[in-house]
Amino acid sequence: LHEINAFRPVKGNRASWAARNTKGRAGLIALGSLLVAMEANMFVLTTKSNWSTLMNHLRTQIIDPRCQNCTQMIDLRPGIF
């Protein structure tokens, strides 16, 4: 995360700008973070966040069926789910 701090927007979502200026590295780092996060058994999420909703869907649709519901999740800020 430290190496992409210069590309973090001050306000708003400037993902396309960051992707262009890091030549895709920002996206690669985000996917790497997702892979590491999905190794957990316990999740603290906020499903109002798109990123947390993605993680929760991966957890319930991919991981839990393979490990007989071995994960748990606490939702700090419930969204429409």
N, C-alpha and C. Protein backbone atom coordinates (compact mmCIF):
# COMPACT_ATOMS: atom_id res chain seq x y z
N LEU A 1 0.83 -1.18 0.00
CA LEU A 1 0.00 0.00 0.00
C LEU A 1 0.87 1.25 0.00
N HIS A 2 1.98 1.19 0.66
CA HIS A 2 2.85 2.35 0.75
C HIS A 2 3.28 2.85 -0.63
N GLU A 3 3.57 1.95 -1.54
CA GLU A 3 4.09 2.37 -2.84
C GLU A 3 3.04 3.00 -3.74
N ILE A 4 1.74 2.85 -3.45
CA ILE A 4 0.73 3.49 -4.29
C ILE A 4 0.07 4.68 -3.61
N ASN A 5 0.58 5.09 -2.45
CA ASN A 5 0.00 6.23 -1.75
C ASN A 5 -0.03 7.49 -2.60
N ALA A 6 0.93 7.67 -3.45
CA ALA A 6 0.96 8.87 -4.30
C ALA A 6 -0.18 8.88 -5.30
N PHE A 7 -0.78 7.74 -5.56
CA PHE A 7 -1.86 7.64 -6.54
C PHE A 7 -3.24 7.58 -5.91
N ARG A 8 -3.33 7.68 -4.58
CA ARG A 8 -4.62 7.67 -3.92
C ARG A 8 -5.27 9.04 -4.08
N PRO A 9 -6.55 9.06 -4.47
CA PRO A 9 -7.22 10.34 -4.67
C PRO A 9 -7.50 11.05 -3.34
N VAL A 10 -7.46 12.37 -3.38
CA VAL A 10 -7.78 13.16 -2.20
C VAL A 10 -9.27 13.04 -1.90
N LYS A 11 -10.09 13.07 -2.96
CA LYS A 11 -11.52 12.88 -2.79
C LYS A 11 -12.07 12.20 -4.04
N GLY A 12 -13.19 11.53 -3.87
CA GLY A 12 -13.83 10.87 -5.00
C GLY A 12 -13.12 9.59 -5.41
N ASN A 13 -13.64 8.98 -6.46
CA ASN A 13 -13.08 7.74 -6.98
C ASN A 13 -12.34 8.04 -8.27
N ARG A 14 -11.04 7.89 -8.21
CA ARG A 14 -10.22 8.13 -9.40
C ARG A 14 -9.50 6.86 -9.79
N ALA A 15 -10.24 5.75 -9.77
CA ALA A 15 -9.65 4.45 -10.04
C ALA A 15 -9.05 4.39 -11.44
N SER A 16 -9.73 4.95 -12.43
CA SER A 16 -9.20 4.90 -13.80
C SER A 16 -7.91 5.71 -13.91
N TRP A 17 -7.86 6.83 -13.21
CA TRP A 17 -6.64 7.65 -13.21
C TRP A 17 -5.49 6.88 -12.56
N ALA A 18 -5.76 6.23 -11.41
CA ALA A 18 -4.74 5.45 -10.72
C ALA A 18 -4.28 4.27 -11.57
N ALA A 19 -5.21 3.62 -12.25
CA ALA A 19 -4.87 2.47 -13.10
C ALA A 19 -3.94 2.91 -14.23
N ARG A 20 -4.26 4.02 -14.85
CA ARG A 20 -3.42 4.53 -15.94
C ARG A 20 -2.03 4.91 -15.44
N ASN A 21 -1.99 5.63 -14.33
CA ASN A 21 -0.71 6.15 -13.84
C ASN A 21 0.16 5.11 -13.17
N THR A 22 -0.41 3.99 -12.75
CA THR A 22 0.41 2.92 -12.17
C THR A 22 0.60 1.78 -13.16
N LYS A 23 0.09 1.97 -14.39
CA LYS A 23 0.17 0.94 -15.43
C LYS A 23 -0.43 -0.38 -14.96
N GLY A 24 -1.55 -0.29 -14.23
CA GLY A 24 -2.27 -1.47 -13.77
C GLY A 24 -1.80 -2.03 -12.45
N ARG A 25 -0.71 -1.50 -11.91
CA ARG A 25 -0.16 -2.04 -10.67
C ARG A 25 -1.14 -1.89 -9.49
N ALA A 26 -1.90 -0.80 -9.46
CA ALA A 26 -2.87 -0.58 -8.38
C ALA A 26 -3.90 -1.71 -8.36
N GLY A 27 -4.37 -2.12 -9.53
CA GLY A 27 -5.33 -3.22 -9.62
C GLY A 27 -4.71 -4.54 -9.21
N LEU A 28 -3.46 -4.76 -9.61
CA LEU A 28 -2.77 -5.99 -9.24
C LEU A 28 -2.59 -6.08 -7.73
N ILE A 29 -2.26 -4.97 -7.10
CA ILE A 29 -2.11 -4.94 -5.64
C ILE A 29 -3.45 -5.21 -4.97
N ALA A 30 -4.53 -4.63 -5.51
CA ALA A 30 -5.86 -4.86 -4.95
C ALA A 30 -6.25 -6.33 -5.05
N LEU A 31 -5.99 -6.96 -6.18
CA LEU A 31 -6.31 -8.39 -6.33
C LEU A 31 -5.47 -9.25 -5.41
N GLY A 32 -4.21 -8.88 -5.24
CA GLY A 32 -3.35 -9.61 -4.30
C GLY A 32 -3.88 -9.50 -2.87
N SER A 33 -4.34 -8.32 -2.50
CA SER A 33 -4.92 -8.12 -1.17
C SER A 33 -6.17 -8.96 -1.00
N LEU A 34 -6.98 -9.04 -2.05
CA LEU A 34 -8.20 -9.86 -1.99
C LEU A 34 -7.85 -11.33 -1.80
N LEU A 35 -6.86 -11.82 -2.52
CA LEU A 35 -6.45 -13.23 -2.39
C LEU A 35 -5.99 -13.55 -0.97
N VAL A 36 -5.20 -12.66 -0.39
CA VAL A 36 -4.72 -12.88 0.97
C VAL A 36 -5.89 -12.83 1.95
N ALA A 37 -6.80 -11.87 1.77
CA ALA A 37 -7.95 -11.73 2.67
C ALA A 37 -8.85 -12.95 2.63
N MET A 38 -8.99 -13.58 1.48
CA MET A 38 -9.90 -14.71 1.35
C MET A 38 -9.36 -15.98 2.01
N GLU A 39 -8.15 -15.94 2.54
CA GLU A 39 -7.61 -17.09 3.27
C GLU A 39 -8.11 -17.14 4.72
N ALA A 40 -8.81 -16.10 5.16
CA ALA A 40 -9.28 -16.03 6.54
C ALA A 40 -10.50 -16.92 6.76
N ASN A 41 -10.78 -17.20 8.02
CA ASN A 41 -11.99 -17.93 8.40
C ASN A 41 -13.01 -17.00 9.04
N MET A 42 -12.54 -15.85 9.54
CA MET A 42 -13.43 -14.88 10.18
C MET A 42 -13.26 -13.54 9.48
N PHE A 43 -14.40 -12.92 9.16
CA PHE A 43 -14.38 -11.69 8.39
C PHE A 43 -15.13 -10.59 9.14
N VAL A 44 -14.57 -9.40 9.18
CA VAL A 44 -15.24 -8.21 9.69
C VAL A 44 -15.44 -7.33 8.47
N LEU A 45 -16.71 -7.21 8.04
CA LEU A 45 -17.02 -6.51 6.80
C LEU A 45 -18.04 -5.41 7.05
N THR A 46 -18.22 -4.58 6.06
CA THR A 46 -19.29 -3.60 6.04
C THR A 46 -19.95 -3.70 4.68
N THR A 47 -21.09 -4.39 4.60
CA THR A 47 -21.66 -4.72 3.30
C THR A 47 -22.27 -3.53 2.57
N LYS A 48 -22.17 -2.33 3.14
CA LYS A 48 -22.50 -1.13 2.37
C LYS A 48 -21.36 -0.80 1.41
N SER A 49 -20.21 -1.41 1.64
CA SER A 49 -19.05 -1.22 0.78
C SER A 49 -19.08 -2.25 -0.34
N ASN A 50 -18.81 -1.81 -1.56
CA ASN A 50 -18.78 -2.73 -2.70
C ASN A 50 -17.70 -3.80 -2.52
N TRP A 51 -16.56 -3.39 -2.00
CA TRP A 51 -15.45 -4.33 -1.80
C TRP A 51 -15.84 -5.41 -0.78
N SER A 52 -16.47 -5.02 0.32
CA SER A 52 -16.90 -5.98 1.32
C SER A 52 -18.01 -6.89 0.79
N THR A 53 -18.90 -6.33 -0.03
CA THR A 53 -19.96 -7.15 -0.64
C THR A 53 -19.35 -8.20 -1.55
N LEU A 54 -18.34 -7.82 -2.32
CA LEU A 54 -17.63 -8.78 -3.18
C LEU A 54 -17.01 -9.88 -2.33
N MET A 55 -16.33 -9.50 -1.26
CA MET A 55 -15.70 -10.49 -0.39
C MET A 55 -16.74 -11.42 0.23
N ASN A 56 -17.88 -10.86 0.64
CA ASN A 56 -18.90 -11.70 1.25
C ASN A 56 -19.51 -12.67 0.25
N HIS A 57 -19.72 -12.24 -0.97
CA HIS A 57 -20.23 -13.14 -2.00
C HIS A 57 -19.22 -14.26 -2.28
N LEU A 58 -17.95 -13.94 -2.38
CA LEU A 58 -16.93 -14.97 -2.58
C LEU A 58 -16.92 -15.94 -1.40
N ARG A 59 -17.05 -15.40 -0.21
CA ARG A 59 -17.05 -16.23 1.01
C ARG A 59 -18.24 -17.19 1.00
N THR A 60 -19.44 -16.68 0.73
CA THR A 60 -20.64 -17.53 0.83
C THR A 60 -20.84 -18.44 -0.37
N GLN A 61 -20.39 -18.03 -1.54
CA GLN A 61 -20.66 -18.81 -2.75
C GLN A 61 -19.51 -19.73 -3.16
N ILE A 62 -18.29 -19.41 -2.77
CA ILE A 62 -17.13 -20.20 -3.20
C ILE A 62 -16.50 -20.95 -2.02
N ILE A 63 -16.16 -20.21 -0.97
CA ILE A 63 -15.41 -20.80 0.13
C ILE A 63 -16.27 -21.71 1.00
N ASP A 64 -17.40 -21.19 1.49
CA ASP A 64 -18.24 -21.97 2.41
C ASP A 64 -18.71 -23.31 1.83
N PRO A 65 -19.15 -23.38 0.58
CA PRO A 65 -19.55 -24.69 0.06
C PRO A 65 -18.40 -25.71 0.02
N ARG A 66 -17.18 -25.22 -0.11
CA ARG A 66 -16.03 -26.13 -0.20
C ARG A 66 -15.53 -26.59 1.16
N CYS A 67 -15.85 -25.82 2.22
CA CYS A 67 -15.33 -26.18 3.55
C CYS A 67 -16.45 -26.41 4.55
N GLN A 68 -17.65 -26.70 4.08
CA GLN A 68 -18.80 -26.97 4.94
C GLN A 68 -19.07 -25.80 5.91
N ASN A 69 -19.20 -24.60 5.36
CA ASN A 69 -19.53 -23.38 6.14
C ASN A 69 -18.53 -23.10 7.26
N CYS A 70 -17.26 -23.08 6.92
CA CYS A 70 -16.21 -22.89 7.92
C CYS A 70 -15.91 -21.42 8.22
N THR A 71 -16.57 -20.47 7.54
CA THR A 71 -16.27 -19.06 7.77
C THR A 71 -17.39 -18.38 8.54
N GLN A 72 -17.02 -17.28 9.19
CA GLN A 72 -17.98 -16.45 9.91
C GLN A 72 -17.77 -15.00 9.50
N MET A 73 -18.85 -14.20 9.60
CA MET A 73 -18.76 -12.81 9.21
C MET A 73 -19.53 -11.94 10.18
N ILE A 74 -18.95 -10.81 10.54
CA ILE A 74 -19.62 -9.77 11.31
C ILE A 74 -19.76 -8.57 10.39
N ASP A 75 -20.97 -8.04 10.28
CA ASP A 75 -21.23 -6.90 9.40
C ASP A 75 -21.34 -5.64 10.25
N LEU A 76 -20.36 -4.75 10.15
CA LEU A 76 -20.35 -3.55 10.97
C LEU A 76 -21.32 -2.48 10.49
N ARG A 77 -21.66 -2.51 9.22
CA ARG A 77 -22.56 -1.51 8.65
C ARG A 77 -23.40 -2.18 7.58
N PRO A 78 -24.47 -2.84 7.98
CA PRO A 78 -25.27 -3.62 7.01
C PRO A 78 -25.82 -2.78 5.88
N GLY A 79 -25.73 -3.35 4.70
CA GLY A 79 -26.35 -2.75 3.52
C GLY A 79 -27.51 -3.61 3.10
N ILE A 80 -27.96 -3.42 1.88
CA ILE A 80 -29.01 -4.27 1.34
C ILE A 80 -28.35 -5.55 0.88
N PHE A 81 -28.63 -6.63 1.57
CA PHE A 81 -27.93 -7.87 1.28
C PHE A 81 -28.85 -9.04 1.29
